[in-house]
């Protein structure tokens, strides 16, 4: 049913459930798992400051590596990861088109606070504009201590 699955990640805790779903689906359908981290170069990044982009790309590489390790441990056979630059939703949409993605799996909670409200939800923009189906996964509920 799915041959190419895309998992956008920002490395936040809010994407944990999406990572688990994407890996499960890639394993179930023997699909290629793509993962992308987008360095948002359109919001106050001063590229003239030495090391700024390098630091952000390193954070992206770390987020991608975490997904790749989980996917490998789960037995996903084909995994591709990329750190891109640009507007997050547009970079994701471009990746969908360029790689014939069959399904996008995204968390509903990533970056939070003022950034989300000023920039709008990346997930919402991808859902509205993607030609591929988008599975949104909410943040996992914290386990509660029922004995208290």
C-alpha atoms as a PDB file:
ATOM      1  CA  UNK A   1       0.000   0.000   0.000  1.00  0.00           C
ATOM      2  CA  UNK A   2       2.833   2.414   0.882  1.00  0.00           C
ATOM      3  CA  UNK A   3       6.244   2.354  -0.743  1.00  0.00           C
ATOM      4  CA  UNK A   4       7.649   5.755   0.281  1.00  0.00           C
ATOM      5  CA  UNK A   5       6.879   7.181   3.732  1.00  0.00           C
ATOM      6  CA  UNK A   6       8.073  10.617   4.843  1.00  0.00           C
ATOM      7  CA  UNK A   7       8.620  11.551   8.472  1.00  0.00           C
ATOM      8  CA  UNK A   8       9.391  15.244   9.008  1.00  0.00           C
ATOM      9  CA  UNK A   9      10.985  15.830  12.404  1.00  0.00           C
ATOM     10  CA  UNK A  10      12.179  18.784  14.406  1.00  0.00           C
ATOM     11  CA  UNK A  11      13.761  16.586  17.051  1.00  0.00           C
ATOM     12  CA  UNK A  12      11.233  17.606  19.692  1.00  0.00           C
ATOM     13  CA  UNK A  13       9.438  15.336  22.128  1.00  0.00           C
ATOM     14  CA  UNK A  14       6.227  16.121  20.248  1.00  0.00           C
ATOM     15  CA  UNK A  15       7.378  14.090  17.267  1.00  0.00           C
ATOM     16  CA  UNK A  16       8.026  10.911  19.265  1.00  0.00           C
ATOM     17  CA  UNK A  17       4.629   9.363  18.492  1.00  0.00           C
ATOM     18  CA  UNK A  18       4.971  10.179  14.805  1.00  0.00           C
ATOM     19  CA  UNK A  19       8.391   8.511  14.725  1.00  0.00           C
ATOM     20  CA  UNK A  20       6.942   5.342  16.230  1.00  0.00           C
ATOM     21  CA  UNK A  21       4.008   5.323  13.778  1.00  0.00           C
ATOM     22  CA  UNK A  22       6.211   5.953  10.748  1.00  0.00           C
ATOM     23  CA  UNK A  23       8.633   3.191  11.704  1.00  0.00           C
ATOM     24  CA  UNK A  24       5.754   0.772  12.343  1.00  0.00           C
ATOM     25  CA  UNK A  25       4.201   1.576   8.954  1.00  0.00           C
ATOM     26  CA  UNK A  26       7.534   1.286   7.128  1.00  0.00           C
ATOM     27  CA  UNK A  27       8.083  -2.103   8.725  1.00  0.00           C
ATOM     28  CA  UNK A  28       4.540  -3.293   8.014  1.00  0.00           C
ATOM     29  CA  UNK A  29       4.593  -2.256   4.351  1.00  0.00           C
ATOM     30  CA  UNK A  30       8.302  -2.873   3.723  1.00  0.00           C
ATOM     31  CA  UNK A  31       8.463   0.778   2.655  1.00  0.00           C
ATOM     32  CA  UNK A  32      11.357   3.171   2.353  1.00  0.00           C
ATOM     33  CA  UNK A  33      11.357   5.567   5.284  1.00  0.00           C
ATOM     34  CA  UNK A  34      12.433   9.103   4.470  1.00  0.00           C
ATOM     35  CA  UNK A  35      13.045  11.547   7.277  1.00  0.00           C
ATOM     36  CA  UNK A  36      13.632  15.268   6.921  1.00  0.00           C
ATOM     37  CA  UNK A  37      14.666  18.048   9.263  1.00  0.00           C
ATOM     38  CA  UNK A  38      14.306  21.577   7.929  1.00  0.00           C
ATOM     39  CA  UNK A  39      16.465  24.424   9.165  1.00  0.00           C
ATOM     40  CA  UNK A  40      14.053  27.351   8.922  1.00  0.00           C
ATOM     41  CA  UNK A  41      16.198  30.019   7.289  1.00  0.00           C
ATOM     42  CA  UNK A  42      13.324  32.487   7.091  1.00  0.00           C
ATOM     43  CA  UNK A  43      13.034  33.357  10.791  1.00  0.00           C
ATOM     44  CA  UNK A  44      15.693  35.524  12.301  1.00  0.00           C
ATOM     45  CA  UNK A  45      18.734  33.415  11.496  1.00  0.00           C
ATOM     46  CA  UNK A  46      21.774  35.602  11.042  1.00  0.00           C
ATOM     47  CA  UNK A  47      23.849  33.542   8.625  1.00  0.00           C
ATOM     48  CA  UNK A  48      26.654  36.091   8.921  1.00  0.00           C
ATOM     49  CA  UNK A  49      27.346  34.912  12.485  1.00  0.00           C
ATOM     50  CA  UNK A  50      29.980  32.196  12.165  1.00  0.00           C
ATOM     51  CA  UNK A  51      28.691  28.749  12.999  1.00  0.00           C
ATOM     52  CA  UNK A  52      24.983  29.631  13.150  1.00  0.00           C
ATOM     53  CA  UNK A  53      23.888  27.437  10.242  1.00  0.00           C
ATOM     54  CA  UNK A  54      26.397  24.774  11.231  1.00  0.00           C
ATOM     55  CA  UNK A  55      24.886  24.586  14.722  1.00  0.00           C
ATOM     56  CA  UNK A  56      21.343  24.327  13.366  1.00  0.00           C
ATOM     57  CA  UNK A  57      22.354  21.712  10.793  1.00  0.00           C
ATOM     58  CA  UNK A  58      24.123  19.737  13.528  1.00  0.00           C
ATOM     59  CA  UNK A  59      20.891  19.726  15.557  1.00  0.00           C
ATOM     60  CA  UNK A  60      19.128  18.453  12.432  1.00  0.00           C
ATOM     61  CA  UNK A  61      21.703  15.714  11.905  1.00  0.00           C
ATOM     62  CA  UNK A  62      21.251  14.623  15.530  1.00  0.00           C
ATOM     63  CA  UNK A  63      17.458  14.477  15.107  1.00  0.00           C
ATOM     64  CA  UNK A  64      17.802  12.497  11.870  1.00  0.00           C
ATOM     65  CA  UNK A  65      20.375  10.128  13.412  1.00  0.00           C
ATOM     66  CA  UNK A  66      17.997   9.361  16.278  1.00  0.00           C
ATOM     67  CA  UNK A  67      15.245   8.395  13.839  1.00  0.00           C
ATOM     68  CA  UNK A  68      17.647   6.344  11.708  1.00  0.00           C
ATOM     69  CA  UNK A  69      18.872   4.407  14.741  1.00  0.00           C
ATOM     70  CA  UNK A  70      15.318   3.639  15.885  1.00  0.00           C
ATOM     71  CA  UNK A  71      14.312   2.565  12.368  1.00  0.00           C
ATOM     72  CA  UNK A  72      17.345   0.314  11.953  1.00  0.00           C
ATOM     73  CA  UNK A  73      16.690  -1.289  15.349  1.00  0.00           C
ATOM     74  CA  UNK A  74      13.091  -1.975  14.266  1.00  0.00           C
ATOM     75  CA  UNK A  75      14.237  -3.651  11.064  1.00  0.00           C
ATOM     76  CA  UNK A  76      13.306  -0.989   8.511  1.00  0.00           C
ATOM     77  CA  UNK A  77      15.280  -2.025   5.442  1.00  0.00           C
ATOM     78  CA  UNK A  78      15.619   1.262   3.556  1.00  0.00           C
ATOM     79  CA  UNK A  79      16.028   4.553   5.366  1.00  0.00           C
ATOM     80  CA  UNK A  80      16.973   7.950   3.970  1.00  0.00           C
ATOM     81  CA  UNK A  81      17.582  11.112   5.983  1.00  0.00           C
ATOM     82  CA  UNK A  82      18.175  14.679   4.904  1.00  0.00           C
ATOM     83  CA  UNK A  83      18.689  18.055   6.527  1.00  0.00           C
ATOM     84  CA  UNK A  84      17.233  20.783   4.323  1.00  0.00           C
ATOM     85  CA  UNK A  85      17.114  24.569   4.543  1.00  0.00           C
ATOM     86  CA  UNK A  86      14.242  26.920   3.790  1.00  0.00           C
ATOM     87  CA  UNK A  87      10.641  27.312   4.840  1.00  0.00           C
ATOM     88  CA  UNK A  88       9.739  24.064   6.646  1.00  0.00           C
ATOM     89  CA  UNK A  89       6.356  23.341   5.067  1.00  0.00           C
ATOM     90  CA  UNK A  90       7.641  24.145   1.567  1.00  0.00           C
ATOM     91  CA  UNK A  91      10.763  22.003   1.957  1.00  0.00           C
ATOM     92  CA  UNK A  92       8.545  19.124   3.118  1.00  0.00           C
ATOM     93  CA  UNK A  93       6.145  19.603   0.186  1.00  0.00           C
ATOM     94  CA  UNK A  94       9.081  19.699  -2.232  1.00  0.00           C
ATOM     95  CA  UNK A  95      10.434  16.457  -0.749  1.00  0.00           C
ATOM     96  CA  UNK A  96       7.020  14.837  -1.153  1.00  0.00           C
ATOM     97  CA  UNK A  97       6.965  15.727  -4.847  1.00  0.00           C
ATOM     98  CA  UNK A  98      10.614  14.905  -5.576  1.00  0.00           C
ATOM     99  CA  UNK A  99      10.463  11.449  -3.977  1.00  0.00           C
ATOM    100  CA  UNK A 100       6.939  10.325  -4.898  1.00  0.00           C
ATOM    101  CA  UNK A 101       5.976  10.020  -1.244  1.00  0.00           C
ATOM    102  CA  UNK A 102       2.880   7.850  -0.644  1.00  0.00           C
ATOM    103  CA  UNK A 103       2.299   8.871   2.981  1.00  0.00           C
ATOM    104  CA  UNK A 104       3.500  11.621   5.298  1.00  0.00           C
ATOM    105  CA  UNK A 105       3.517  10.969   9.051  1.00  0.00           C
ATOM    106  CA  UNK A 106       3.765  14.123  11.176  1.00  0.00           C
ATOM    107  CA  UNK A 107       3.405  15.054  14.795  1.00  0.00           C
ATOM    108  CA  UNK A 108       0.774  17.616  15.695  1.00  0.00           C
ATOM    109  CA  UNK A 109       3.046  19.175  18.293  1.00  0.00           C
ATOM    110  CA  UNK A 110       6.541  20.297  17.515  1.00  0.00           C
ATOM    111  CA  UNK A 111       7.825  23.729  18.226  1.00  0.00           C
ATOM    112  CA  UNK A 112       5.630  25.530  20.683  1.00  0.00           C
ATOM    113  CA  UNK A 113       4.790  28.908  22.066  1.00  0.00           C
ATOM    114  CA  UNK A 114       5.029  32.174  20.220  1.00  0.00           C
ATOM    115  CA  UNK A 115       6.955  30.653  17.280  1.00  0.00           C
ATOM    116  CA  UNK A 116       4.030  28.378  16.436  1.00  0.00           C
ATOM    117  CA  UNK A 117       1.449  31.131  16.621  1.00  0.00           C
ATOM    118  CA  UNK A 118       3.500  33.608  14.604  1.00  0.00           C
ATOM    119  CA  UNK A 119       4.561  31.120  11.962  1.00  0.00           C
ATOM    120  CA  UNK A 120       1.488  28.903  11.831  1.00  0.00           C
ATOM    121  CA  UNK A 121       1.584  25.162  12.186  1.00  0.00           C
ATOM    122  CA  UNK A 122       3.892  23.421   9.748  1.00  0.00           C
ATOM    123  CA  UNK A 123       1.736  20.310  10.033  1.00  0.00           C
ATOM    124  CA  UNK A 124      -1.409  22.259   9.182  1.00  0.00           C
ATOM    125  CA  UNK A 125       0.218  23.778   6.094  1.00  0.00           C
ATOM    126  CA  UNK A 126       1.421  20.374   4.893  1.00  0.00           C
ATOM    127  CA  UNK A 127      -2.017  18.806   5.505  1.00  0.00           C
ATOM    128  CA  UNK A 128      -3.705  21.545   3.480  1.00  0.00           C
ATOM    129  CA  UNK A 129      -1.257  21.533   0.557  1.00  0.00           C
ATOM    130  CA  UNK A 130       0.079  17.992   0.203  1.00  0.00           C
ATOM    131  CA  UNK A 131      -1.028  15.766  -2.643  1.00  0.00           C
ATOM    132  CA  UNK A 132      -0.027  12.757  -0.537  1.00  0.00           C
ATOM    133  CA  UNK A 133      -2.111  11.644   2.441  1.00  0.00           C
ATOM    134  CA  UNK A 134      -0.880  13.002   5.774  1.00  0.00           C
ATOM    135  CA  UNK A 135      -1.257  11.024   8.988  1.00  0.00           C
ATOM    136  CA  UNK A 136      -1.081  13.324  11.995  1.00  0.00           C
ATOM    137  CA  UNK A 137      -0.071  11.887  15.337  1.00  0.00           C
ATOM    138  CA  UNK A 138      -0.749  13.672  18.610  1.00  0.00           C
ATOM    139  CA  UNK A 139       1.743  13.994  21.405  1.00  0.00           C
ATOM    140  CA  UNK A 140       1.823  10.844  23.536  1.00  0.00           C
ATOM    141  CA  UNK A 141      -0.071  11.246  26.783  1.00  0.00           C
ATOM    142  CA  UNK A 142       2.031  11.243  29.913  1.00  0.00           C
ATOM    143  CA  UNK A 143       1.451   8.162  31.992  1.00  0.00           C
ATOM    144  CA  UNK A 144      -0.303   8.971  35.200  1.00  0.00           C
ATOM    145  CA  UNK A 145       0.285   7.369  38.551  1.00  0.00           C
ATOM    146  CA  UNK A 146      -3.120   5.863  39.348  1.00  0.00           C
ATOM    147  CA  UNK A 147      -2.042   4.662  42.775  1.00  0.00           C
ATOM    148  CA  UNK A 148      -2.032   8.157  44.283  1.00  0.00           C
END
